Amino acid sequence: MKNKILIGLAGLVVLVGGVVAFNWQKVERLNFTMNLFSGAEQYENFNRMTELFPSATMKASPTPFQFGEGEPMALPTSFETDGVTIDTEAFLTETDTAALLVIQNGNVRFEDYRLTGGRDVQWLSMSVAKSFTSTLVGMAVEDGSIASIEDPVTKYVPALAGSAYDSVRIKDILQMSSGAAWDENYGDPDSDINRFGRILGAGGSFSEFVTTMKREKEPGTYNRYNSASTQVLGSLLLAATGQPIQDYMAEKLWTPLGMESDGYWLVDDDNVPMVFFGLNATARDYAKIGELFRNGGMWNGEQVVSADWVHASITPDAPHLMPGDNPLSDFPMGYGYQWWVMDGDAQEFSAIGVYNQFIYVNPTKDLVIVKLSANSAYGTSTDGSAEREFETIDLFRAIGDALN
């Protein structure tokens, strides 16, 4: 009898311990999501997202690709932005830089890790993930899983009928021009993006959330940045390819590009990757998609992504997508297929994520730069001054100018 009691108590302890551990993990998740854009430091979180949230793994390539080692360069000590001189080291510190990687013509010219970053550390991509997602859409078009981006998305995802995305062209969704009403204000806890993001902490389905969205404008007429639209592209990929997105990514990109480390997608309660922000990878592996696009989709002599798709992805092709002071857009950078396009003659384009994640490409200088960060001030200013994205682009330009 005594043994039975002891066994029962031991079982109860295990059960209670399991419940406490489960609830503690939920508390950690909610604490993380509620503290985003609050000014709280995040560099001790962005390097360990798979400890906090469920994830799906893409295994490192069996034939990893290594960038060559180029002549080491020194960063410019300062750079100019809007007529103001910014100290480079102070800027890197203020934006909580965890990784800065400069690659010219396929060779590493500068590599530096700080805080909790490191060469083998997978860092949260935030919206840099969007550029990977759009690349997968292009590959699904190439292999015939998607007939055309002129198709309405509801041809493939009928669950979107009656929502803001009903009958909207895939192309308009790729170009953040779906017409869906959306508020991407990170500083407002009641904004759409913050309600959407809280699913990460509280649980739920991102795919279900997007079916509830309402239309605001005629599709294809206004560039309104909308993270939920990228999740619609995830629903499209899942329906069109018939494969889990992480498996399709592993087959089409992760293995062919010779990714050196495992990559992770954060997933929702349905095990669907959060394709608008949930990719986690190392700086060197992020750089590979930049290098792929710099070379027009070619990788090691193989056309991995269609050259036409690459060109279209980084080319604004309608008035509402053009860079500059544009009344038809809510942001002064140009836009392609989930890639930002800079104004000017240098043909620059970039994947950009909140908290200052970047994969920047300048083809005229054979240049790819990755910056991974945890800028704790991000989203805390009413005028957007804490975001520092345009300053970062100016730093990258100064780096390009400093190259031999």
Protein backbone atom coordinates (compact mmCIF):
# COMPACT_ATOMS: atom_id res chain seq x y z
CA MET A 1 0.00 0.00 0.00
CA LYS A 2 2.83 2.37 0.95
CA ASN A 3 4.54 1.71 -2.40
CA LYS A 4 1.32 2.48 -4.26
CA ILE A 5 0.99 5.77 -2.40
CA LEU A 6 4.59 6.68 -3.19
CA ILE A 7 4.10 5.79 -6.86
CA GLY A 8 0.93 7.86 -6.92
CA LEU A 9 2.67 10.84 -5.32
CA ALA A 10 5.54 10.54 -7.77
CA GLY A 11 3.10 10.53 -10.66
CA LEU A 12 1.35 13.59 -9.24
CA VAL A 13 4.67 15.42 -8.91
CA VAL A 14 5.51 14.62 -12.53
CA LEU A 15 2.06 15.75 -13.66
CA VAL A 16 2.18 18.99 -11.67
CA GLY A 17 5.73 19.61 -12.86
CA GLY A 18 4.60 19.13 -16.44
CA VAL A 19 1.66 21.50 -16.01
CA VAL A 20 3.90 24.14 -14.39
CA ALA A 21 6.49 23.80 -17.15
CA PHE A 22 3.79 24.02 -19.83
CA ASN A 23 2.21 27.09 -18.25
CA TRP A 24 5.59 28.71 -17.64
CA GLN A 25 6.41 28.34 -21.32
CA LYS A 26 3.09 29.99 -22.18
CA VAL A 27 3.89 32.80 -19.75
CA GLU A 28 7.29 33.27 -21.41
CA ARG A 29 5.68 33.39 -24.85
CA LEU A 30 3.06 35.91 -23.79
CA ASN A 31 5.66 37.99 -22.00
CA PHE A 32 7.76 38.09 -25.18
CA THR A 33 4.90 39.13 -27.46
CA MET A 34 3.51 41.70 -25.01
CA ASN A 35 6.92 43.33 -24.60
CA LEU A 36 7.67 43.73 -28.29
CA PHE A 37 7.95 47.41 -29.25
CA SER A 38 7.88 48.42 -25.59
CA GLY A 39 11.54 49.43 -25.38
CA ALA A 40 12.49 46.19 -23.62
CA GLU A 41 15.82 44.65 -24.62
CA GLN A 42 15.37 41.72 -27.01
CA TYR A 43 18.89 40.54 -27.85
CA GLU A 44 18.58 37.74 -25.30
CA ASN A 45 15.45 36.48 -27.08
CA PHE A 46 16.04 36.80 -30.82
CA ASN A 47 18.84 34.20 -30.66
CA ARG A 48 16.70 31.54 -28.93
CA MET A 49 13.26 31.70 -30.46
CA THR A 50 13.04 27.93 -30.86
CA GLU A 51 13.33 27.61 -27.07
CA LEU A 52 10.28 29.82 -26.65
CA PHE A 53 8.03 28.75 -29.52
CA PRO A 54 7.22 25.61 -31.52
CA SER A 55 9.17 25.40 -34.75
CA ALA A 56 9.82 23.31 -37.83
CA THR A 57 13.37 22.49 -38.89
CA MET A 58 15.11 22.64 -42.26
CA LYS A 59 18.28 20.62 -41.93
CA ALA A 60 21.62 22.03 -43.01
CA SER A 61 22.61 21.07 -46.53
CA PRO A 62 24.68 17.88 -46.88
CA THR A 63 26.93 19.89 -49.22
CA PRO A 64 27.35 23.24 -47.39
CA PHE A 65 28.49 26.24 -49.39
CA GLN A 66 31.22 28.42 -47.92
CA PHE A 67 31.80 31.98 -49.05
CA GLY A 68 35.36 32.78 -50.01
CA GLU A 69 37.59 34.89 -47.80
CA GLY A 70 38.28 38.28 -49.35
CA GLU A 71 40.64 41.04 -48.32
CA PRO A 72 39.53 42.28 -44.88
CA MET A 73 38.15 45.81 -44.88
CA ALA A 74 37.68 48.39 -42.15
CA LEU A 75 34.28 49.95 -41.70
CA PRO A 76 34.03 53.69 -42.34
CA THR A 77 34.32 55.46 -38.99
CA SER A 78 31.27 57.59 -39.79
CA PHE A 79 28.63 58.11 -42.45
CA GLU A 80 26.25 60.85 -43.56
CA THR A 81 22.47 60.77 -43.36
CA ASP A 82 20.32 63.81 -44.17
CA GLY A 83 23.34 66.05 -43.78
CA VAL A 84 24.17 64.71 -40.31
CA THR A 85 27.36 62.81 -39.53
CA ILE A 86 26.73 59.56 -37.64
CA ASP A 87 29.47 57.70 -35.77
CA THR A 88 29.46 54.12 -37.09
CA GLU A 89 30.41 52.39 -33.85
CA ALA A 90 27.83 54.36 -31.87
CA PHE A 91 25.18 53.51 -34.44
CA LEU A 92 25.95 49.79 -34.31
CA THR A 93 25.78 49.89 -30.53
CA GLU A 94 22.59 51.95 -30.36
CA THR A 95 20.77 49.59 -32.73
CA ASP A 96 21.85 46.52 -30.72
CA THR A 97 23.70 45.00 -33.65
CA ALA A 98 24.29 41.27 -33.23
CA ALA A 99 25.80 40.52 -36.65
CA LEU A 100 27.26 42.53 -39.51
CA LEU A 101 28.44 40.65 -42.59
CA VAL A 102 29.81 42.28 -45.75
CA ILE A 103 30.25 40.14 -48.86
CA GLN A 104 31.65 41.45 -52.14
CA ASN A 105 31.60 39.30 -55.25
CA GLY A 106 31.03 36.20 -53.15
CA ASN A 107 33.88 36.85 -50.71
CA VAL A 108 33.64 37.88 -47.07
CA ARG A 109 35.19 41.31 -46.58
CA PHE A 110 33.95 41.99 -43.04
CA GLU A 111 32.30 39.84 -40.36
CA ASP A 112 31.53 40.88 -36.80
CA TYR A 113 29.30 39.43 -34.08
CA ARG A 114 28.18 41.13 -30.88
CA LEU A 115 25.82 40.64 -27.94
CA THR A 116 24.23 37.19 -28.33
CA GLY A 117 25.03 36.89 -32.04
CA GLY A 118 27.55 34.51 -33.52
CA ARG A 119 28.52 32.77 -36.74
CA ASP A 120 26.53 29.67 -35.73
CA VAL A 121 23.63 31.54 -34.09
CA GLN A 122 20.21 31.44 -35.75
CA TRP A 123 18.61 34.89 -35.44
CA LEU A 124 14.95 35.84 -35.87
CA SER A 125 14.41 37.32 -39.33
CA MET A 126 11.22 39.29 -38.73
CA SER A 127 10.01 40.53 -42.15
CA VAL A 128 13.19 39.46 -43.94
CA ALA A 129 11.28 36.16 -44.09
CA LYS A 130 8.84 37.74 -46.56
CA SER A 131 11.49 37.77 -49.30
CA PHE A 132 12.08 34.04 -48.85
CA THR A 133 8.33 33.43 -49.04
CA SER A 134 7.93 35.35 -52.29
CA THR A 135 10.87 33.44 -53.75
CA LEU A 136 9.07 30.19 -52.99
CA VAL A 137 5.98 31.53 -54.78
CA GLY A 138 8.13 32.17 -57.84
CA MET A 139 9.49 28.63 -57.68
CA ALA A 140 5.97 27.24 -57.40
CA VAL A 141 5.07 29.16 -60.56
CA GLU A 142 8.16 27.78 -62.28
CA ASP A 143 7.33 24.17 -61.41
CA GLY A 144 3.68 24.56 -62.43
CA SER A 145 2.10 24.31 -58.99
CA ILE A 146 0.80 27.86 -59.49
CA ALA A 147 -0.39 28.48 -63.04
CA SER A 148 0.02 32.26 -62.97
CA ILE A 149 0.29 35.13 -60.51
CA GLU A 150 -2.51 36.74 -62.52
CA ASP A 151 -4.79 34.10 -60.98
CA PRO A 152 -7.01 35.09 -58.07
CA VAL A 153 -5.68 33.63 -54.84
CA THR A 154 -9.11 32.14 -54.13
CA LYS A 155 -8.57 29.76 -57.05
CA TYR A 156 -6.13 27.96 -54.74
CA VAL A 157 -7.41 29.00 -51.28
CA PRO A 158 -11.22 29.01 -51.43
CA ALA A 159 -11.38 29.63 -47.66
CA LEU A 160 -10.53 33.27 -48.46
CA ALA A 161 -13.86 33.77 -50.30
CA GLY A 162 -15.78 36.59 -48.64
CA SER A 163 -12.64 38.10 -47.11
CA ALA A 164 -10.55 41.06 -48.26
CA TYR A 165 -8.65 38.64 -50.50
CA ASP A 166 -11.64 37.31 -52.40
CA SER A 167 -10.72 37.29 -56.13
CA VAL A 168 -7.54 39.34 -55.54
CA ARG A 169 -4.66 38.59 -57.92
CA ILE A 170 -1.68 36.79 -56.44
CA LYS A 171 0.48 39.53 -57.97
CA ASP A 172 -1.31 42.24 -55.99
CA ILE A 173 -0.72 40.29 -52.78
CA LEU A 174 2.97 39.87 -53.63
CA GLN A 175 3.21 43.63 -54.15
CA MET A 176 1.46 44.59 -50.89
CA SER A 177 -1.40 46.01 -52.93
CA SER A 178 -4.24 43.67 -51.95
CA GLY A 179 -6.62 46.46 -50.94
CA ALA A 180 -7.11 44.89 -47.49
CA ALA A 181 -7.60 47.26 -44.57
CA TRP A 182 -4.60 47.04 -42.26
CA ASP A 183 -2.73 48.97 -39.58
CA GLU A 184 0.97 48.02 -39.25
CA ASN A 185 1.60 50.48 -36.41
CA TYR A 186 4.00 48.66 -34.10
CA GLY A 187 3.67 51.24 -31.35
CA ASP A 188 -0.12 50.81 -31.00
CA PRO A 189 -0.98 47.72 -28.94
CA ASP A 190 -4.42 47.59 -30.58
CA SER A 191 -3.13 47.77 -34.17
CA ASP A 192 -3.77 44.93 -36.61
CA ILE A 193 -0.14 43.85 -36.63
CA ASN A 194 -0.04 43.59 -32.84
CA ARG A 195 -3.34 41.69 -32.69
CA PHE A 196 -2.02 39.40 -35.43
CA GLY A 197 1.31 38.92 -33.67
CA ARG A 198 -0.29 38.07 -30.33
CA ILE A 199 -1.39 34.77 -31.86
CA LEU A 200 2.27 33.84 -31.49
CA GLY A 201 1.98 34.10 -27.71
CA ALA A 202 -1.63 33.15 -27.05
CA GLY A 203 -1.97 30.46 -29.70
CA GLY A 204 -4.32 30.18 -32.64
CA SER A 205 -4.21 30.08 -36.42
CA PHE A 206 -2.74 32.80 -38.61
CA SER A 207 -4.52 31.26 -41.61
CA GLU A 208 -7.90 31.68 -39.92
CA PHE A 209 -7.12 35.27 -38.92
CA VAL A 210 -6.63 36.39 -42.53
CA THR A 211 -10.07 35.06 -43.54
CA THR A 212 -11.65 37.71 -41.27
CA MET A 213 -10.03 40.72 -42.94
CA LYS A 214 -12.04 43.38 -44.78
CA ARG A 215 -11.35 45.30 -47.97
CA GLU A 216 -10.45 48.98 -47.89
CA LYS A 217 -9.29 49.86 -51.42
CA GLU A 218 -9.42 48.52 -54.94
CA PRO A 219 -6.69 45.87 -55.30
CA GLY A 220 -3.67 46.91 -57.34
CA THR A 221 -4.03 50.65 -56.70
CA TYR A 222 -2.34 51.41 -53.37
CA ASN A 223 0.82 50.08 -51.70
CA ARG A 224 -0.12 49.36 -48.07
CA TYR A 225 2.39 47.26 -46.18
CA ASN A 226 0.51 44.34 -44.66
CA SER A 227 2.15 41.39 -42.91
CA ALA A 228 -1.05 39.36 -43.06
CA SER A 229 -0.82 39.37 -46.87
CA THR A 230 2.41 37.41 -46.67
CA GLN A 231 0.65 34.81 -44.53
CA VAL A 232 -1.92 34.56 -47.34
CA LEU A 233 0.99 33.68 -49.63
CA GLY A 234 1.82 30.94 -47.12
CA SER A 235 -1.71 29.56 -47.43
CA LEU A 236 -1.28 29.72 -51.20
CA LEU A 237 1.98 27.75 -51.10
CA LEU A 238 0.51 25.12 -48.84
CA ALA A 239 -2.53 24.64 -51.07
CA ALA A 240 -0.72 24.82 -54.41
CA THR A 241 2.27 22.59 -53.66
CA GLY A 242 0.56 20.13 -51.35
CA GLN A 243 3.68 20.14 -49.18
CA PRO A 244 4.46 21.61 -45.77
CA ILE A 245 6.13 24.94 -46.46
CA GLN A 246 9.25 23.98 -44.52
CA ASP A 247 9.66 20.86 -46.71
CA TYR A 248 9.19 22.84 -49.91
CA MET A 249 11.71 25.42 -48.69
CA ALA A 250 14.22 22.71 -47.80
CA GLU A 251 13.89 21.13 -51.23
CA LYS A 252 13.86 24.30 -53.31
CA LEU A 253 16.18 26.69 -51.44
CA TRP A 254 17.81 25.42 -48.26
CA THR A 255 19.58 22.42 -49.74
CA PRO A 256 20.38 23.88 -53.21
CA LEU A 257 21.96 27.00 -51.65
CA GLY A 258 24.15 24.88 -49.41
CA MET A 259 22.90 26.34 -46.14
CA GLU A 260 25.57 25.65 -43.51
CA SER A 261 23.27 25.47 -40.49
CA ASP A 262 19.78 24.26 -39.68
CA GLY A 263 17.05 26.80 -40.28
CA TYR A 264 13.85 27.10 -38.28
CA TRP A 265 10.37 28.35 -39.05
CA LEU A 266 8.23 29.27 -36.06
CA VAL A 267 4.83 27.60 -36.49
CA ASP A 268 1.30 28.28 -35.29
CA ASP A 269 -1.07 25.83 -33.61
CA ASP A 270 -1.74 24.19 -37.00
CA ASN A 271 2.01 23.62 -37.54
CA VAL A 272 1.92 26.19 -40.37
CA PRO A 273 5.06 28.35 -40.60
CA MET A 274 4.67 32.02 -39.77
CA VAL A 275 5.99 32.99 -43.17
CA PHE A 276 5.76 36.75 -42.61
CA PHE A 277 8.39 36.86 -39.86
CA GLY A 278 9.19 33.47 -38.29
CA LEU A 279 12.33 32.31 -40.14
CA ASN A 280 15.46 31.84 -38.02
CA ALA A 281 18.89 31.44 -39.66
CA THR A 282 22.52 32.46 -39.41
CA ALA A 283 23.90 35.62 -41.00
CA ARG A 284 25.89 33.65 -43.58
CA ASP A 285 22.84 31.64 -44.60
CA TYR A 286 20.70 34.77 -44.88
CA ALA A 287 23.39 36.24 -47.13
CA LYS A 288 22.96 33.40 -49.62
CA ILE A 289 19.56 34.55 -50.84
CA GLY A 290 21.01 38.03 -51.29
CA GLU A 291 23.85 36.57 -53.32
CA LEU A 292 21.38 34.44 -55.29
CA PHE A 293 19.36 37.51 -56.27
CA ARG A 294 22.49 39.56 -56.94
CA ASN A 295 23.36 36.95 -59.54
CA GLY A 296 19.94 36.91 -61.17
CA GLY A 297 18.89 33.59 -59.64
CA MET A 298 22.07 31.73 -60.61
CA TRP A 299 23.89 29.62 -57.99
CA ASN A 300 27.02 27.62 -58.69
CA GLY A 301 26.23 27.64 -62.40
CA GLU A 302 22.62 26.52 -61.94
CA GLN A 303 19.52 28.65 -62.48
CA VAL A 304 17.88 28.04 -59.10
CA VAL A 305 15.30 30.83 -59.45
CA SER A 306 14.01 32.11 -62.77
CA ALA A 307 15.89 35.21 -63.95
CA ASP A 308 12.57 36.73 -64.98
CA TRP A 309 11.20 36.19 -61.48
CA VAL A 310 14.23 37.78 -59.86
CA HIS A 311 13.97 40.81 -62.15
CA ALA A 312 10.24 41.21 -61.49
CA SER A 313 10.78 40.78 -57.74
CA ILE A 314 13.05 43.82 -57.51
CA THR A 315 11.34 46.05 -60.10
CA PRO A 316 8.42 48.30 -59.14
CA ASP A 317 6.12 48.14 -62.17
CA ALA A 318 3.17 50.39 -61.31
CA PRO A 319 2.73 53.99 -60.06
CA HIS A 320 1.78 52.95 -56.52
CA LEU A 321 4.98 50.90 -56.14
CA MET A 322 7.50 53.60 -57.05
CA PRO A 323 10.00 54.91 -54.47
CA GLY A 324 9.99 58.48 -53.23
CA ASP A 325 7.24 60.77 -51.99
CA ASN A 326 4.36 58.74 -53.38
CA PRO A 327 0.73 59.54 -52.46
CA LEU A 328 -0.22 56.01 -53.56
CA SER A 329 2.06 54.33 -51.02
CA ASP A 330 2.41 54.35 -47.25
CA PHE A 331 6.22 54.16 -47.31
CA PRO A 332 8.83 56.06 -49.35
CA MET A 333 10.74 52.99 -50.58
CA GLY A 334 9.72 51.20 -53.75
CA TYR A 335 8.30 47.70 -53.67
CA GLY A 336 8.52 44.55 -55.77
CA TYR A 337 7.57 41.00 -54.83
CA GLN A 338 8.17 41.32 -51.06
CA TRP A 339 11.50 43.11 -51.64
CA TRP A 340 12.11 46.79 -50.93
CA VAL A 341 13.64 48.82 -53.74
CA MET A 342 15.70 51.97 -53.14
CA ASP A 343 15.53 55.13 -55.20
CA GLY A 344 18.48 56.08 -57.44
CA ASP A 345 20.68 54.51 -60.11
CA ALA A 346 22.51 51.90 -58.00
CA GLN A 347 19.78 49.24 -58.43
CA GLU A 348 19.77 48.60 -54.67
CA PHE A 349 17.17 46.37 -53.07
CA SER A 350 16.73 44.85 -49.64
CA ALA A 351 14.82 42.48 -47.42
CA ILE A 352 14.01 44.43 -44.26
CA GLY A 353 12.62 43.31 -40.91
CA VAL A 354 11.63 45.23 -37.80
CA TYR A 355 14.23 45.70 -35.09
CA ASN A 356 16.69 46.31 -37.99
CA GLN A 357 17.16 43.01 -39.81
CA PHE A 358 18.57 43.50 -43.34
CA ILE A 359 19.72 41.62 -46.40
CA TYR A 360 20.89 44.51 -48.58
CA VAL A 361 22.06 44.08 -52.17
CA ASN A 362 23.85 46.55 -54.43
CA PRO A 363 24.54 44.80 -57.76
CA THR A 364 26.58 47.72 -59.10
CA LYS A 365 29.15 47.07 -56.36
CA ASP A 366 28.77 43.25 -56.29
CA LEU A 367 27.74 43.78 -52.68
CA VAL A 368 25.59 41.90 -50.15
CA ILE A 369 25.33 43.07 -46.53
CA VAL A 370 23.50 41.32 -43.70
CA LYS A 371 22.74 43.16 -40.47
CA LEU A 372 20.97 41.33 -37.64
CA SER A 373 19.88 43.46 -34.72
CA ALA A 374 17.64 43.87 -31.69
CA ASN A 375 17.10 47.63 -31.76
CA SER A 376 15.12 47.95 -28.53
CA ALA A 377 13.91 51.45 -29.42
CA TYR A 378 12.16 50.16 -32.54
CA GLY A 379 8.49 51.10 -32.65
CA THR A 380 8.68 53.36 -29.59
CA SER A 381 8.63 56.75 -31.37
CA THR A 382 5.53 58.42 -32.77
CA ASP A 383 7.42 59.84 -35.76
CA GLY A 384 9.29 56.67 -36.73
CA SER A 385 12.68 58.13 -35.84
CA ALA A 386 13.56 55.14 -33.64
CA GLU A 387 13.32 52.72 -36.56
CA ARG A 388 16.56 53.98 -38.20
CA GLU A 389 16.09 52.06 -41.44
CA PHE A 390 17.10 54.92 -43.72
CA GLU A 391 20.19 55.55 -41.60
CA THR A 392 21.09 51.88 -41.98
CA ILE A 393 20.82 52.09 -45.76
CA ASP A 394 23.13 55.13 -45.66
CA LEU A 395 25.62 53.10 -43.60
CA PHE A 396 25.49 50.33 -46.19
CA ARG A 397 26.11 52.85 -48.96
CA ALA A 398 29.10 54.20 -47.04
CA ILE A 399 30.44 50.65 -46.70
CA GLY A 400 30.01 50.19 -50.44
CA ASP A 401 31.89 53.41 -51.10
CA ALA A 402 34.74 52.22 -48.84
CA LEU A 403 35.27 48.99 -50.79
CA ASN A 404 38.40 48.73 -52.93
